[in-house]
């Protein structure tokens, strides 16, 4: 399993677009991809067409709480791209 981190302190430099395109491209080439969105504005899930509610219509646990409680798996949602998943911010 490889980990790729897209990070920079400056805003507006293309981090989100890079993560979206890289993740989608890898998924389309057959790789299982999980994008973990640590941005408090949570721009990745809507950009990938992922819903931010569970099956019961409840909003998902915020990522900071999920990480603290070691329940990251409970907030992972599929996207409209096969093999591409997101843990929304």
PDB file of N, CA and C in Angstrom:
ATOM      1  N   UNK A   1       0.842  -1.169   0.000  1.00  0.00           N
ATOM      2  CA  UNK A   1       0.000   0.000   0.000  1.00  0.00           C
ATOM      3  C   UNK A   1       0.890   1.237   0.000  1.00  0.00           C
ATOM      4  N   UNK A   2       0.624   2.129  -0.922  1.00  0.00           N
ATOM      5  CA  UNK A   2       1.361   3.375  -0.987  1.00  0.00           C
ATOM      6  C   UNK A   2       0.506   4.511  -0.442  1.00  0.00           C
ATOM      7  N   UNK A   3       1.164   5.507   0.114  1.00  0.00           N
ATOM      8  CA  UNK A   3       0.490   6.699   0.603  1.00  0.00           C
ATOM      9  C   UNK A   3       1.059   7.899  -0.128  1.00  0.00           C
ATOM     10  N   UNK A   4       0.175   8.720  -0.665  1.00  0.00           N
ATOM     11  CA  UNK A   4       0.577   9.956  -1.329  1.00  0.00           C
ATOM     12  C   UNK A   4      -0.100  11.086  -0.586  1.00  0.00           C
ATOM     13  N   UNK A   5       0.663  12.097  -0.194  1.00  0.00           N
ATOM     14  CA  UNK A   5       0.115  13.236   0.537  1.00  0.00           C
ATOM     15  C   UNK A   5       0.257  14.486  -0.326  1.00  0.00           C
ATOM     16  N   UNK A   6      -0.846  15.206  -0.497  1.00  0.00           N
ATOM     17  CA  UNK A   6      -0.830  16.472  -1.223  1.00  0.00           C
ATOM     18  C   UNK A   6      -1.051  17.569  -0.185  1.00  0.00           C
ATOM     19  N   UNK A   7      -0.024  18.361   0.086  1.00  0.00           N
ATOM     20  CA  UNK A   7      -0.107  19.338   1.166  1.00  0.00           C
ATOM     21  C   UNK A   7       0.655  20.617   0.831  1.00  0.00           C
ATOM     22  N   UNK A   8       0.186  21.698   1.391  1.00  0.00           N
ATOM     23  CA  UNK A   8       0.837  22.993   1.299  1.00  0.00           C
ATOM     24  C   UNK A   8       0.076  23.918   2.232  1.00  0.00           C
ATOM     25  N   UNK A   9       0.751  24.853   2.887  1.00  0.00           N
ATOM     26  CA  UNK A   9       0.065  25.774   3.785  1.00  0.00           C
ATOM     27  C   UNK A   9      -0.678  26.869   3.026  1.00  0.00           C
ATOM     28  N   UNK A  10      -0.230  27.163   1.843  1.00  0.00           N
ATOM     29  CA  UNK A  10      -0.847  28.238   1.063  1.00  0.00           C
ATOM     30  C   UNK A  10      -2.173  27.768   0.456  1.00  0.00           C
ATOM     31  N   UNK A  11      -3.165  28.601   0.492  1.00  0.00           N
ATOM     32  CA  UNK A  11      -4.433  28.288  -0.138  1.00  0.00           C
ATOM     33  C   UNK A  11      -4.403  28.631  -1.620  1.00  0.00           C
ATOM     34  N   UNK A  12      -5.255  28.000  -2.389  1.00  0.00           N
ATOM     35  CA  UNK A  12      -5.381  28.330  -3.801  1.00  0.00           C
ATOM     36  C   UNK A  12      -4.253  27.866  -4.684  1.00  0.00           C
ATOM     37  N   UNK A  13      -3.505  26.860  -4.231  1.00  0.00           N
ATOM     38  CA  UNK A  13      -2.356  26.407  -5.029  1.00  0.00           C
ATOM     39  C   UNK A  13      -2.635  25.087  -5.754  1.00  0.00           C
ATOM     40  N   UNK A  14      -3.859  24.564  -5.671  1.00  0.00           N
ATOM     41  CA  UNK A  14      -4.220  23.384  -6.445  1.00  0.00           C
ATOM     42  C   UNK A  14      -4.177  22.064  -5.697  1.00  0.00           C
ATOM     43  N   UNK A  15      -4.154  22.081  -4.382  1.00  0.00           N
ATOM     44  CA  UNK A  15      -4.099  20.830  -3.610  1.00  0.00           C
ATOM     45  C   UNK A  15      -5.325  19.958  -3.855  1.00  0.00           C
ATOM     46  N   UNK A  16      -6.506  20.552  -3.778  1.00  0.00           N
ATOM     47  CA  UNK A  16      -7.746  19.793  -3.942  1.00  0.00           C
ATOM     48  C   UNK A  16      -7.860  19.236  -5.351  1.00  0.00           C
ATOM     49  N   UNK A  17      -7.609  20.061  -6.336  1.00  0.00           N
ATOM     50  CA  UNK A  17      -7.708  19.619  -7.734  1.00  0.00           C
ATOM     51  C   UNK A  17      -6.689  18.517  -8.015  1.00  0.00           C
ATOM     52  N   UNK A  18      -5.494  18.649  -7.479  1.00  0.00           N
ATOM     53  CA  UNK A  18      -4.463  17.621  -7.662  1.00  0.00           C
ATOM     54  C   UNK A  18      -4.900  16.305  -7.037  1.00  0.00           C
ATOM     55  N   UNK A  19      -5.411  16.362  -5.797  1.00  0.00           N
ATOM     56  CA  UNK A  19      -5.854  15.138  -5.113  1.00  0.00           C
ATOM     57  C   UNK A  19      -7.017  14.474  -5.855  1.00  0.00           C
ATOM     58  N   UNK A  20      -7.982  15.285  -6.308  1.00  0.00           N
ATOM     59  CA  UNK A  20      -9.127  14.745  -7.051  1.00  0.00           C
ATOM     60  C   UNK A  20      -8.683  14.053  -8.334  1.00  0.00           C
ATOM     61  N   UNK A  21      -7.893  14.738  -9.128  1.00  0.00           N
ATOM     62  CA  UNK A  21      -7.476  14.190 -10.419  1.00  0.00           C
ATOM     63  C   UNK A  21      -6.546  12.987 -10.270  1.00  0.00           C
ATOM     64  N   UNK A  22      -5.622  13.058  -9.328  1.00  0.00           N
ATOM     65  CA  UNK A  22      -4.710  11.936  -9.106  1.00  0.00           C
ATOM     66  C   UNK A  22      -5.480  10.713  -8.607  1.00  0.00           C
ATOM     67  N   UNK A  23      -6.375  10.922  -7.644  1.00  0.00           N
ATOM     68  CA  UNK A  23      -7.174   9.818  -7.116  1.00  0.00           C
ATOM     69  C   UNK A  23      -8.052   9.175  -8.177  1.00  0.00           C
ATOM     70  N   UNK A  24      -8.736  10.005  -8.959  1.00  0.00           N
ATOM     71  CA  UNK A  24      -9.617   9.480 -10.012  1.00  0.00           C
ATOM     72  C   UNK A  24      -8.811   8.750 -11.083  1.00  0.00           C
ATOM     73  N   UNK A  25      -7.667   9.303 -11.446  1.00  0.00           N
ATOM     74  CA  UNK A  25      -6.836   8.660 -12.457  1.00  0.00           C
ATOM     75  C   UNK A  25      -6.324   7.299 -12.005  1.00  0.00           C
ATOM     76  N   UNK A  26      -5.880   7.216 -10.752  1.00  0.00           N
ATOM     77  CA  UNK A  26      -5.398   5.933 -10.222  1.00  0.00           C
ATOM     78  C   UNK A  26      -6.535   4.915 -10.131  1.00  0.00           C
ATOM     79  N   UNK A  27      -7.712   5.368  -9.708  1.00  0.00           N
ATOM     80  CA  UNK A  27      -8.867   4.461  -9.612  1.00  0.00           C
ATOM     81  C   UNK A  27      -9.246   3.926 -10.990  1.00  0.00           C
ATOM     82  N   UNK A  28      -9.219   4.778 -11.978  1.00  0.00           N
ATOM     83  CA  UNK A  28      -9.568   4.350 -13.343  1.00  0.00           C
ATOM     84  C   UNK A  28      -8.533   3.396 -13.925  1.00  0.00           C
ATOM     85  N   UNK A  29      -7.330   3.404 -13.373  1.00  0.00           N
ATOM     86  CA  UNK A  29      -6.301   2.458 -13.820  1.00  0.00           C
ATOM     87  C   UNK A  29      -6.335   1.160 -13.014  1.00  0.00           C
ATOM     88  N   UNK A  30      -7.346   1.016 -12.144  1.00  0.00           N
ATOM     89  CA  UNK A  30      -7.539  -0.244 -11.435  1.00  0.00           C
ATOM     90  C   UNK A  30      -7.095  -0.271  -9.986  1.00  0.00           C
ATOM     91  N   UNK A  31      -6.604   0.826  -9.459  1.00  0.00           N
ATOM     92  CA  UNK A  31      -6.154   0.866  -8.064  1.00  0.00           C
ATOM     93  C   UNK A  31      -7.305   1.223  -7.134  1.00  0.00           C
ATOM     94  N   UNK A  32      -7.302   0.652  -5.936  1.00  0.00           N
ATOM     95  CA  UNK A  32      -8.247   1.052  -4.892  1.00  0.00           C
ATOM     96  C   UNK A  32      -7.692   2.331  -4.289  1.00  0.00           C
ATOM     97  N   UNK A  33      -8.489   3.390  -4.239  1.00  0.00           N
ATOM     98  CA  UNK A  33      -8.017   4.692  -3.767  1.00  0.00           C
ATOM     99  C   UNK A  33      -8.940   5.216  -2.676  1.00  0.00           C
ATOM    100  N   UNK A  34      -8.333   5.695  -1.608  1.00  0.00           N
ATOM    101  CA  UNK A  34      -9.065   6.374  -0.548  1.00  0.00           C
ATOM    102  C   UNK A  34      -8.474   7.769  -0.410  1.00  0.00           C
ATOM    103  N   UNK A  35      -9.300   8.789  -0.591  1.00  0.00           N
ATOM    104  CA  UNK A  35      -8.870  10.162  -0.371  1.00  0.00           C
ATOM    105  C   UNK A  35      -9.390  10.581   0.996  1.00  0.00           C
ATOM    106  N   UNK A  36      -8.481  10.974   1.879  1.00  0.00           N
ATOM    107  CA  UNK A  36      -8.851  11.444   3.215  1.00  0.00           C
ATOM    108  C   UNK A  36      -8.760  12.965   3.181  1.00  0.00           C
ATOM    109  N   UNK A  37      -9.898  13.619   3.296  1.00  0.00           N
ATOM    110  CA  UNK A  37      -9.982  15.078   3.201  1.00  0.00           C
ATOM    111  C   UNK A  37      -9.865  15.683   4.592  1.00  0.00           C
ATOM    112  N   UNK A  38      -8.742  16.317   4.879  1.00  0.00           N
ATOM    113  CA  UNK A  38      -8.530  16.936   6.183  1.00  0.00           C
ATOM    114  C   UNK A  38      -8.838  18.427   6.168  1.00  0.00           C
ATOM    115  N   UNK A  39      -9.323  18.941   5.062  1.00  0.00           N
ATOM    116  CA  UNK A  39      -9.697  20.349   4.947  1.00  0.00           C
ATOM    117  C   UNK A  39     -11.019  20.576   5.669  1.00  0.00           C
ATOM    118  N   UNK A  40     -11.081  21.522   6.623  1.00  0.00           N
ATOM    119  CA  UNK A  40     -12.336  21.761   7.339  1.00  0.00           C
ATOM    120  C   UNK A  40     -13.481  22.224   6.432  1.00  0.00           C
ATOM    121  N   UNK A  41     -13.163  22.768   5.258  1.00  0.00           N
ATOM    122  CA  UNK A  41     -14.210  23.181   4.328  1.00  0.00           C
ATOM    123  C   UNK A  41     -14.757  21.997   3.536  1.00  0.00           C
ATOM    124  N   UNK A  42     -14.114  20.847   3.612  1.00  0.00           N
ATOM    125  CA  UNK A  42     -14.554  19.586   3.005  1.00  0.00           C
ATOM    126  C   UNK A  42     -14.923  19.693   1.524  1.00  0.00           C
ATOM    127  N   UNK A  43     -14.007  20.159   0.672  1.00  0.00           N
ATOM    128  CA  UNK A  43     -14.364  20.336  -0.742  1.00  0.00           C
ATOM    129  C   UNK A  43     -14.309  19.061  -1.587  1.00  0.00           C
ATOM    130  N   UNK A  44     -13.687  18.014  -1.100  1.00  0.00           N
ATOM    131  CA  UNK A  44     -13.445  16.852  -1.958  1.00  0.00           C
ATOM    132  C   UNK A  44     -14.687  15.998  -2.173  1.00  0.00           C
ATOM    133  N   UNK A  45     -15.437  15.677  -1.127  1.00  0.00           N
ATOM    134  CA  UNK A  45     -16.599  14.797  -1.280  1.00  0.00           C
ATOM    135  C   UNK A  45     -17.612  15.326  -2.290  1.00  0.00           C
ATOM    136  N   UNK A  46     -18.031  16.583  -2.205  1.00  0.00           N
ATOM    137  CA  UNK A  46     -18.976  17.078  -3.218  1.00  0.00           C
ATOM    138  C   UNK A  46     -18.377  17.060  -4.623  1.00  0.00           C
ATOM    139  N   UNK A  47     -17.084  17.315  -4.725  1.00  0.00           N
ATOM    140  CA  UNK A  47     -16.422  17.293  -6.029  1.00  0.00           C
ATOM    141  C   UNK A  47     -16.391  15.919  -6.652  1.00  0.00           C
ATOM    142  N   UNK A  48     -16.479  14.885  -5.824  1.00  0.00           N
ATOM    143  CA  UNK A  48     -16.469  13.505  -6.310  1.00  0.00           C
ATOM    144  C   UNK A  48     -17.874  12.904  -6.378  1.00  0.00           C
ATOM    145  N   UNK A  49     -18.870  13.680  -6.040  1.00  0.00           N
ATOM    146  CA  UNK A  49     -20.239  13.179  -6.094  1.00  0.00           C
ATOM    147  C   UNK A  49     -20.589  12.256  -4.948  1.00  0.00           C
ATOM    148  N   UNK A  50     -19.868  12.355  -3.834  1.00  0.00           N
ATOM    149  CA  UNK A  50     -20.134  11.498  -2.674  1.00  0.00           C
ATOM    150  C   UNK A  50     -21.140  12.181  -1.758  1.00  0.00           C
ATOM    151  N   UNK A  51     -22.048  11.401  -1.209  1.00  0.00           N
ATOM    152  CA  UNK A  51     -23.033  11.929  -0.273  1.00  0.00           C
ATOM    153  C   UNK A  51     -22.410  12.050   1.117  1.00  0.00           C
ATOM    154  N   UNK A  52     -22.823  13.066   1.850  1.00  0.00           N
ATOM    155  CA  UNK A  52     -22.276  13.281   3.184  1.00  0.00           C
ATOM    156  C   UNK A  52     -23.211  12.793   4.279  1.00  0.00           C
ATOM    157  N   UNK A  53     -24.166  11.943   3.918  1.00  0.00           N
ATOM    158  CA  UNK A  53     -25.087  11.356   4.895  1.00  0.00           C
ATOM    159  C   UNK A  53     -25.003   9.837   4.789  1.00  0.00           C
ATOM    160  N   UNK A  54     -25.237   9.170   5.904  1.00  0.00           N
ATOM    161  CA  UNK A  54     -25.273   7.710   5.859  1.00  0.00           C
ATOM    162  C   UNK A  54     -26.622   7.257   5.304  1.00  0.00           C
ATOM    163  N   UNK A  55     -26.837   5.967   5.219  1.00  0.00           N
ATOM    164  CA  UNK A  55     -28.074   5.435   4.629  1.00  0.00           C
ATOM    165  C   UNK A  55     -29.334   5.896   5.355  1.00  0.00           C
ATOM    166  N   UNK A  56     -29.213   6.188   6.636  1.00  0.00           N
ATOM    167  CA  UNK A  56     -30.371   6.625   7.403  1.00  0.00           C
ATOM    168  C   UNK A  56     -30.623   8.124   7.333  1.00  0.00           C
ATOM    169  N   UNK A  57     -29.868   8.827   6.488  1.00  0.00           N
ATOM    170  CA  UNK A  57     -30.055  10.261   6.347  1.00  0.00           C
ATOM    171  C   UNK A  57     -29.343  11.086   7.404  1.00  0.00           C
ATOM    172  N   UNK A  58     -28.573  10.434   8.268  1.00  0.00           N
ATOM    173  CA  UNK A  58     -27.838  11.146   9.299  1.00  0.00           C
ATOM    174  C   UNK A  58     -26.519  11.658   8.736  1.00  0.00           C
ATOM    175  N   UNK A  59     -26.106  12.855   9.168  1.00  0.00           N
ATOM    176  CA  UNK A  59     -24.816  13.362   8.734  1.00  0.00           C
ATOM    177  C   UNK A  59     -23.723  12.493   9.335  1.00  0.00           C
ATOM    178  N   UNK A  60     -22.638  12.352   8.571  1.00  0.00           N
ATOM    179  CA  UNK A  60     -21.528  11.536   9.029  1.00  0.00           C
ATOM    180  C   UNK A  60     -20.756  12.231  10.145  1.00  0.00           C
ATOM    181  N   UNK A  61     -20.054  11.447  10.928  1.00  0.00           N
ATOM    182  CA  UNK A  61     -19.202  11.942  11.993  1.00  0.00           C
ATOM    183  C   UNK A  61     -18.100  12.811  11.384  1.00  0.00           C
ATOM    184  N   UNK A  62     -17.835  14.007  11.933  1.00  0.00           N
ATOM    185  CA  UNK A  62     -16.740  14.826  11.413  1.00  0.00           C
ATOM    186  C   UNK A  62     -15.416  14.062  11.471  1.00  0.00           C
ATOM    187  N   UNK A  63     -14.543  14.303  10.493  1.00  0.00           N
ATOM    188  CA  UNK A  63     -13.322  13.512  10.387  1.00  0.00           C
ATOM    189  C   UNK A  63     -12.439  13.638  11.627  1.00  0.00           C
ATOM    190  N   UNK A  64     -12.375  14.811  12.235  1.00  0.00           N
ATOM    191  CA  UNK A  64     -11.558  14.978  13.436  1.00  0.00           C
ATOM    192  C   UNK A  64     -12.045  14.051  14.548  1.00  0.00           C
ATOM    193  N   UNK A  65     -13.357  13.936  14.709  1.00  0.00           N
ATOM    194  CA  UNK A  65     -13.916  13.043  15.727  1.00  0.00           C
ATOM    195  C   UNK A  65     -13.687  11.578  15.347  1.00  0.00           C
ATOM    196  N   UNK A  66     -13.833  11.266  14.077  1.00  0.00           N
ATOM    197  CA  UNK A  66     -13.633   9.883  13.625  1.00  0.00           C
ATOM    198  C   UNK A  66     -12.201   9.432  13.878  1.00  0.00           C
ATOM    199  N   UNK A  67     -11.246  10.317  13.637  1.00  0.00           N
ATOM    200  CA  UNK A  67      -9.841   9.963  13.863  1.00  0.00           C
ATOM    201  C   UNK A  67      -9.579   9.784  15.355  1.00  0.00           C
ATOM    202  N   UNK A  68     -10.117  10.692  16.179  1.00  0.00           N
ATOM    203  CA  UNK A  68      -9.919  10.595  17.634  1.00  0.00           C
ATOM    204  C   UNK A  68     -10.502   9.297  18.187  1.00  0.00           C
ATOM    205  N   UNK A  69     -11.671   8.912  17.673  1.00  0.00           N
ATOM    206  CA  UNK A  69     -12.350   7.715  18.175  1.00  0.00           C
ATOM    207  C   UNK A  69     -11.939   6.450  17.420  1.00  0.00           C
ATOM    208  N   UNK A  70     -10.984   6.571  16.501  1.00  0.00           N
ATOM    209  CA  UNK A  70     -10.499   5.449  15.695  1.00  0.00           C
ATOM    210  C   UNK A  70     -11.634   4.769  14.926  1.00  0.00           C
ATOM    211  N   UNK A  71     -12.525   5.593  14.352  1.00  0.00           N
ATOM    212  CA  UNK A  71     -13.653   5.086  13.589  1.00  0.00           C
ATOM    213  C   UNK A  71     -13.624   5.623  12.161  1.00  0.00           C
ATOM    214  N   UNK A  72     -12.440   5.775  11.602  1.00  0.00           N
ATOM    215  CA  UNK A  72     -12.326   6.329  10.252  1.00  0.00           C
ATOM    216  C   UNK A  72     -13.124   5.500   9.257  1.00  0.00           C
ATOM    217  N   UNK A  73     -13.129   4.188   9.414  1.00  0.00           N
ATOM    218  CA  UNK A  73     -13.870   3.320   8.502  1.00  0.00           C
ATOM    219  C   UNK A  73     -15.357   3.591   8.470  1.00  0.00           C
ATOM    220  N   UNK A  74     -15.884   4.177   9.528  1.00  0.00           N
ATOM    221  CA  UNK A  74     -17.322   4.432   9.587  1.00  0.00           C
ATOM    222  C   UNK A  74     -17.751   5.626   8.748  1.00  0.00           C
ATOM    223  N   UNK A  75     -16.800   6.452   8.299  1.00  0.00           N
ATOM    224  CA  UNK A  75     -17.187   7.629   7.520  1.00  0.00           C
ATOM    225  C   UNK A  75     -16.770   7.534   6.052  1.00  0.00           C
ATOM    226  N   UNK A  76     -16.129   6.448   5.659  1.00  0.00           N
ATOM    227  CA  UNK A  76     -15.703   6.298   4.268  1.00  0.00           C
ATOM    228  C   UNK A  76     -16.921   6.063   3.391  1.00  0.00           C
ATOM    229  N   UNK A  77     -17.024   6.846   2.320  1.00  0.00           N
ATOM    230  CA  UNK A  77     -18.155   6.732   1.402  1.00  0.00           C
ATOM    231  C   UNK A  77     -17.653   6.512  -0.022  1.00  0.00           C
ATOM    232  N   UNK A  78     -18.425   5.763  -0.820  1.00  0.00           N
ATOM    233  CA  UNK A  78     -18.044   5.572  -2.224  1.00  0.00           C
ATOM    234  C   UNK A  78     -18.319   6.836  -3.026  1.00  0.00           C
ATOM    235  N   UNK A  79     -17.649   6.961  -4.138  1.00  0.00           N
ATOM    236  CA  UNK A  79     -17.871   8.083  -5.041  1.00  0.00           C
ATOM    237  C   UNK A  79     -18.505   7.554  -6.325  1.00  0.00           C
ATOM    238  N   UNK A  80     -18.725   8.439  -7.265  1.00  0.00           N
ATOM    239  CA  UNK A  80     -19.292   8.012  -8.541  1.00  0.00           C
ATOM    240  C   UNK A  80     -18.265   7.304  -9.426  1.00  0.00           C
ATOM    241  N   UNK A  81     -17.009   7.304  -9.022  1.00  0.00           N
ATOM    242  CA  UNK A  81     -15.952   6.613  -9.753  1.00  0.00           C
ATOM    243  C   UNK A  81     -15.679   5.274  -9.072  1.00  0.00           C
ATOM    244  N   UNK A  82     -15.715   4.199  -9.835  1.00  0.00           N
ATOM    245  CA  UNK A  82     -15.464   2.873  -9.286  1.00  0.00           C
ATOM    246  C   UNK A  82     -14.069   2.803  -8.658  1.00  0.00           C
ATOM    247  N   UNK A  83     -13.949   2.150  -7.517  1.00  0.00           N
ATOM    248  CA  UNK A  83     -12.700   1.959  -6.784  1.00  0.00           C
ATOM    249  C   UNK A  83     -12.155   3.235  -6.133  1.00  0.00           C
ATOM    250  N   UNK A  84     -12.942   4.299  -6.110  1.00  0.00           N
ATOM    251  CA  UNK A  84     -12.502   5.566  -5.494  1.00  0.00           C
ATOM    252  C   UNK A  84     -13.434   5.882  -4.326  1.00  0.00           C
ATOM    253  N   UNK A  85     -12.841   6.051  -3.146  1.00  0.00           N
ATOM    254  CA  UNK A  85     -13.592   6.306  -1.920  1.00  0.00           C
ATOM    255  C   UNK A  85     -13.052   7.560  -1.270  1.00  0.00           C
ATOM    256  N   UNK A  86     -13.876   8.172  -0.422  1.00  0.00           N
ATOM    257  CA  UNK A  86     -13.457   9.396   0.260  1.00  0.00           C
ATOM    258  C   UNK A  86     -13.887   9.359   1.715  1.00  0.00           C
ATOM    259  N   UNK A  87     -13.005   9.854   2.574  1.00  0.00           N
ATOM    260  CA  UNK A  87     -13.339  10.125   3.966  1.00  0.00           C
ATOM    261  C   UNK A  87     -13.484  11.644   4.043  1.00  0.00           C
ATOM    262  N   UNK A  88     -14.736  12.152   4.019  1.00  0.00           N
ATOM    263  CA  UNK A  88     -14.951  13.587   3.928  1.00  0.00           C
ATOM    264  C   UNK A  88     -14.438  14.357   5.140  1.00  0.00           C
ATOM    265  N   UNK A  89     -14.063  15.612   4.907  1.00  0.00           N
ATOM    266  CA  UNK A  89     -13.553  16.484   5.972  1.00  0.00           C
ATOM    267  C   UNK A  89     -14.656  16.951   6.891  1.00  0.00           C
TER     268      UNK A  89
END
